[in-house]
């Protein structure tokens, strides 16, 4: 197990109130992607906001309704839209790990999110059991995208993050070695020069380490009925 990185995490701004997050999703058209009404989205946010225990939570749409391929282009950085790497056409097949339990509702909250900067230079294979030991759950790819949609500042040069709660299971029931992540394109290779500095959904090998990728995680997920 690698030593914990001593680099101090950047102080990130707090998430907006849930009602403001709902308005942001409506502004981006996420409710239309998911087939949800604006009234339903706003009502859910108001109901959840009434609980002080949910302060700082992220409002997320179930990945079955709003998949990563539909959400990624909504990301923006320096007026450049987000994108999914060309060698990840199966991005929407990356599903929650068996240990990640999602509420069975279209909308839910993700609590206690951390970017995992202290795990930079760990591999996904090393980070997952450590997070489990800490009682934390790795973010799904769609949850990571939701986070950046609400707080673009969480995506920084040299401090981006992996979302290893989402994995692709092969026909033989083993896990595909790719693990999804969200970072910033350098505009090289197949990304294209025009995509330099754009938000990027891509993948890394489960056994590889990267100094610029932490492991985003949360304390849990909860659903609150409107």
Protein backbone atom coordinates (compact mmCIF):
# COMPACT_ATOMS: atom_id res chain seq x y z
CA UNK A 1 0.00 0.00 0.00
CA UNK A 2 1.49 3.39 -0.96
CA UNK A 3 2.08 6.05 1.64
CA UNK A 4 -0.54 8.76 1.89
CA UNK A 5 0.42 11.83 -0.12
CA UNK A 6 1.41 14.74 2.11
CA UNK A 7 0.14 17.39 -0.31
CA UNK A 8 -2.53 19.52 1.35
CA UNK A 9 -5.88 19.37 -0.43
CA UNK A 10 -7.15 22.56 -1.96
CA UNK A 11 -10.02 24.04 0.04
CA UNK A 12 -13.01 23.52 -2.21
CA UNK A 13 -16.15 25.65 -2.11
CA UNK A 14 -19.24 24.15 -0.54
CA UNK A 15 -21.98 22.76 -2.70
CA UNK A 16 -24.92 25.09 -3.31
CA UNK A 17 -28.19 24.52 -1.47
CA UNK A 18 -30.18 21.62 -2.90
CA UNK A 19 -32.82 23.97 -4.30
CA UNK A 20 -30.10 25.79 -6.22
CA UNK A 21 -28.70 22.49 -7.44
CA UNK A 22 -32.14 21.59 -8.75
CA UNK A 23 -32.31 24.86 -10.68
CA UNK A 24 -28.88 24.18 -12.14
CA UNK A 25 -29.99 20.77 -13.40
CA UNK A 26 -33.10 22.31 -14.90
CA UNK A 27 -31.04 25.04 -16.57
CA UNK A 28 -28.84 22.35 -18.15
CA UNK A 29 -31.83 20.25 -19.26
CA UNK A 30 -30.91 17.24 -17.13
CA UNK A 31 -34.56 16.80 -16.14
CA UNK A 32 -35.44 16.37 -19.82
CA UNK A 33 -32.69 13.79 -20.30
CA UNK A 34 -34.02 11.86 -17.31
CA UNK A 35 -37.70 12.29 -18.14
CA UNK A 36 -38.41 14.18 -14.92
CA UNK A 37 -40.68 17.16 -14.41
CA UNK A 38 -39.36 20.47 -13.16
CA UNK A 39 -41.97 20.42 -10.41
CA UNK A 40 -40.87 16.98 -9.27
CA UNK A 41 -37.21 17.95 -9.22
CA UNK A 42 -37.87 21.14 -7.29
CA UNK A 43 -40.18 19.38 -4.84
CA UNK A 44 -37.59 16.68 -4.11
CA UNK A 45 -34.92 19.31 -3.48
CA UNK A 46 -37.17 21.32 -1.15
CA UNK A 47 -38.10 18.24 0.83
CA UNK A 48 -34.49 17.13 1.20
CA UNK A 49 -33.33 20.65 2.01
CA UNK A 50 -35.67 20.71 4.99
CA UNK A 51 -33.40 18.19 6.72
CA UNK A 52 -30.33 19.80 8.26
CA UNK A 53 -28.63 16.40 8.14
CA UNK A 54 -28.36 16.80 4.37
CA UNK A 55 -26.34 20.03 4.43
CA UNK A 56 -23.57 19.83 1.85
CA UNK A 57 -25.15 16.91 -0.04
CA UNK A 58 -25.04 16.49 -3.80
CA UNK A 59 -28.30 16.09 -5.71
CA UNK A 60 -27.90 13.24 -8.20
CA UNK A 61 -30.06 11.64 -10.86
CA UNK A 62 -30.02 7.85 -11.08
CA UNK A 63 -27.53 6.76 -13.78
CA UNK A 64 -30.17 4.63 -15.51
CA UNK A 65 -32.05 7.85 -16.27
CA UNK A 66 -29.14 10.24 -16.90
CA UNK A 67 -26.14 8.27 -18.20
CA UNK A 68 -22.58 9.57 -18.41
CA UNK A 69 -22.69 9.93 -22.20
CA UNK A 70 -25.56 12.42 -21.89
CA UNK A 71 -24.14 14.32 -18.91
CA UNK A 72 -20.51 14.70 -20.00
CA UNK A 73 -21.21 17.19 -22.85
CA UNK A 74 -22.92 19.48 -20.31
CA UNK A 75 -19.63 20.03 -18.48
CA UNK A 76 -17.87 23.32 -19.23
CA UNK A 77 -14.38 24.67 -18.59
CA UNK A 78 -13.09 27.82 -20.26
CA UNK A 79 -16.24 27.70 -22.44
CA UNK A 80 -15.27 24.28 -23.77
CA UNK A 81 -17.76 21.41 -23.46
CA UNK A 82 -16.92 18.15 -21.78
CA UNK A 83 -16.48 14.95 -23.73
CA UNK A 84 -15.98 11.20 -23.40
CA UNK A 85 -12.75 9.76 -24.82
CA UNK A 86 -13.14 8.02 -28.16
CA UNK A 87 -11.96 4.67 -26.84
CA UNK A 88 -14.74 4.52 -24.27
CA UNK A 89 -17.86 4.05 -26.45
CA UNK A 90 -19.22 1.70 -23.79
CA UNK A 91 -19.11 4.35 -21.06
CA UNK A 92 -22.77 3.84 -20.14
CA UNK A 93 -22.16 0.15 -19.45
CA UNK A 94 -19.97 1.03 -16.47
CA UNK A 95 -22.36 0.16 -13.65
CA UNK A 96 -22.17 0.42 -9.85
CA UNK A 97 -19.98 -2.12 -8.09
CA UNK A 98 -21.85 -4.76 -6.12
CA UNK A 99 -20.82 -2.97 -2.92
CA UNK A 100 -22.37 0.33 -4.08
CA UNK A 101 -26.05 0.41 -3.16
CA UNK A 102 -28.14 3.07 -4.89
CA UNK A 103 -31.54 4.24 -3.65
CA UNK A 104 -34.27 2.89 -5.88
CA UNK A 105 -35.54 6.36 -6.77
CA UNK A 106 -34.93 8.67 -9.73
CA UNK A 107 -33.34 11.30 -7.47
CA UNK A 108 -31.09 10.82 -4.48
CA UNK A 109 -28.46 12.57 -2.37
CA UNK A 110 -24.76 11.82 -2.08
CA UNK A 111 -23.34 12.86 1.29
CA UNK A 112 -19.88 13.72 2.57
CA UNK A 113 -18.09 13.95 -0.78
CA UNK A 114 -14.31 14.15 -0.81
CA UNK A 115 -12.01 14.40 -3.84
CA UNK A 116 -9.47 12.03 -2.32
CA UNK A 117 -6.38 14.13 -2.99
CA UNK A 118 -4.53 12.25 -0.24
CA UNK A 119 -4.74 9.10 -2.39
CA UNK A 120 -3.03 10.64 -5.41
CA UNK A 121 -0.48 8.16 -6.78
CA UNK A 122 -2.49 5.19 -5.53
CA UNK A 123 -3.90 2.67 -8.00
CA UNK A 124 -7.63 1.90 -8.08
CA UNK A 125 -6.83 -1.62 -6.89
CA UNK A 126 -5.12 -0.10 -3.85
CA UNK A 127 -7.63 2.67 -3.20
CA UNK A 128 -10.85 0.65 -3.18
CA UNK A 129 -10.09 -1.56 -0.17
CA UNK A 130 -8.69 1.45 1.70
CA UNK A 131 -11.89 3.42 1.14
CA UNK A 132 -13.94 0.43 2.28
CA UNK A 133 -11.87 0.18 5.46
CA UNK A 134 -12.52 3.87 6.10
CA UNK A 135 -16.27 3.29 5.77
CA UNK A 136 -16.46 5.36 2.61
CA UNK A 137 -18.04 4.53 -0.75
CA UNK A 138 -16.41 5.41 -4.10
CA UNK A 139 -18.27 7.81 -6.33
CA UNK A 140 -19.97 6.62 -9.48
CA UNK A 141 -18.91 8.25 -12.74
CA UNK A 142 -22.29 9.97 -13.09
CA UNK A 143 -22.05 11.27 -9.53
CA UNK A 144 -18.65 12.71 -10.31
CA UNK A 145 -20.05 14.47 -13.36
CA UNK A 146 -22.95 15.82 -11.29
CA UNK A 147 -20.41 17.17 -8.80
CA UNK A 148 -18.45 19.03 -11.48
CA UNK A 149 -21.68 20.34 -13.03
CA UNK A 150 -22.54 21.94 -9.69
CA UNK A 151 -18.98 22.92 -8.71
CA UNK A 152 -16.66 23.27 -11.72
CA UNK A 153 -13.87 24.28 -9.30
CA UNK A 154 -13.50 20.69 -8.09
CA UNK A 155 -11.75 19.88 -11.38
CA UNK A 156 -8.28 21.39 -11.16
CA UNK A 157 -5.06 20.88 -13.08
CA UNK A 158 -3.06 18.14 -11.35
CA UNK A 159 -5.90 17.54 -8.88
CA UNK A 160 -8.55 15.61 -10.74
CA UNK A 161 -10.22 12.40 -9.62
CA UNK A 162 -11.23 8.85 -10.35
CA UNK A 163 -14.74 7.45 -9.90
CA UNK A 164 -14.08 3.80 -9.25
CA UNK A 165 -17.58 3.03 -8.00
CA UNK A 166 -18.46 2.46 -11.66
CA UNK A 167 -16.96 -0.60 -13.33
CA UNK A 168 -17.67 -2.65 -16.42
CA UNK A 169 -18.33 -6.33 -15.81
CA UNK A 170 -17.34 -8.67 -18.63
CA UNK A 171 -19.27 -11.68 -19.91
CA UNK A 172 -17.24 -14.02 -17.68
CA UNK A 173 -18.27 -11.88 -14.65
CA UNK A 174 -14.76 -10.48 -14.14
CA UNK A 175 -14.20 -6.73 -14.04
CA UNK A 176 -12.85 -4.88 -17.06
CA UNK A 177 -9.44 -3.42 -16.15
CA UNK A 178 -10.51 0.10 -17.09
CA UNK A 179 -11.57 2.45 -14.29
CA UNK A 180 -13.33 5.75 -15.10
CA UNK A 181 -12.03 9.18 -14.18
CA UNK A 182 -12.70 12.86 -14.84
CA UNK A 183 -9.83 15.16 -15.67
CA UNK A 184 -8.76 18.03 -17.93
CA UNK A 185 -7.65 17.40 -21.49
CA UNK A 186 -4.22 18.51 -22.66
CA UNK A 187 -5.50 18.66 -26.23
CA UNK A 188 -3.10 15.96 -27.41
CA UNK A 189 -3.59 12.75 -29.37
CA UNK A 190 -7.12 11.81 -30.28
CA UNK A 191 -8.59 14.49 -28.01
CA UNK A 192 -7.68 17.14 -30.59
CA UNK A 193 -6.00 20.48 -30.01
CA UNK A 194 -9.37 22.23 -29.91
CA UNK A 195 -10.23 20.30 -26.73
CA UNK A 196 -7.29 21.52 -24.70
CA UNK A 197 -8.50 22.45 -21.18
CA UNK A 198 -11.90 20.83 -21.74
CA UNK A 199 -13.37 18.52 -19.06
CA UNK A 200 -12.70 14.93 -20.05
CA UNK A 201 -14.30 11.62 -19.09
CA UNK A 202 -11.79 8.84 -19.60
CA UNK A 203 -10.29 5.79 -17.97
CA UNK A 204 -7.12 4.42 -16.42
CA UNK A 205 -5.96 0.86 -15.77
CA UNK A 206 -7.00 -0.52 -12.38
CA UNK A 207 -3.40 -1.35 -11.47
CA UNK A 208 -1.79 1.93 -12.50
CA UNK A 209 -0.92 4.94 -10.34
CA UNK A 210 -1.24 8.60 -11.35
CA UNK A 211 0.10 11.50 -9.31
CA UNK A 212 -2.65 13.83 -10.53
CA UNK A 213 -5.68 11.63 -9.80
CA UNK A 214 -7.28 11.25 -6.41
CA UNK A 215 -10.21 8.96 -5.60
CA UNK A 216 -13.54 10.67 -5.07
CA UNK A 217 -15.71 9.09 -2.39
CA UNK A 218 -18.67 9.76 -0.13
CA UNK A 219 -20.03 8.79 3.25
CA UNK A 220 -23.25 7.47 1.74
CA UNK A 221 -26.35 7.88 -0.39
CA UNK A 222 -29.89 8.54 0.68
CA UNK A 223 -33.29 9.10 -0.84
CA UNK A 224 -35.89 11.50 0.47
CA UNK A 225 -39.38 11.41 -0.89
CA UNK A 226 -40.96 14.72 -1.93
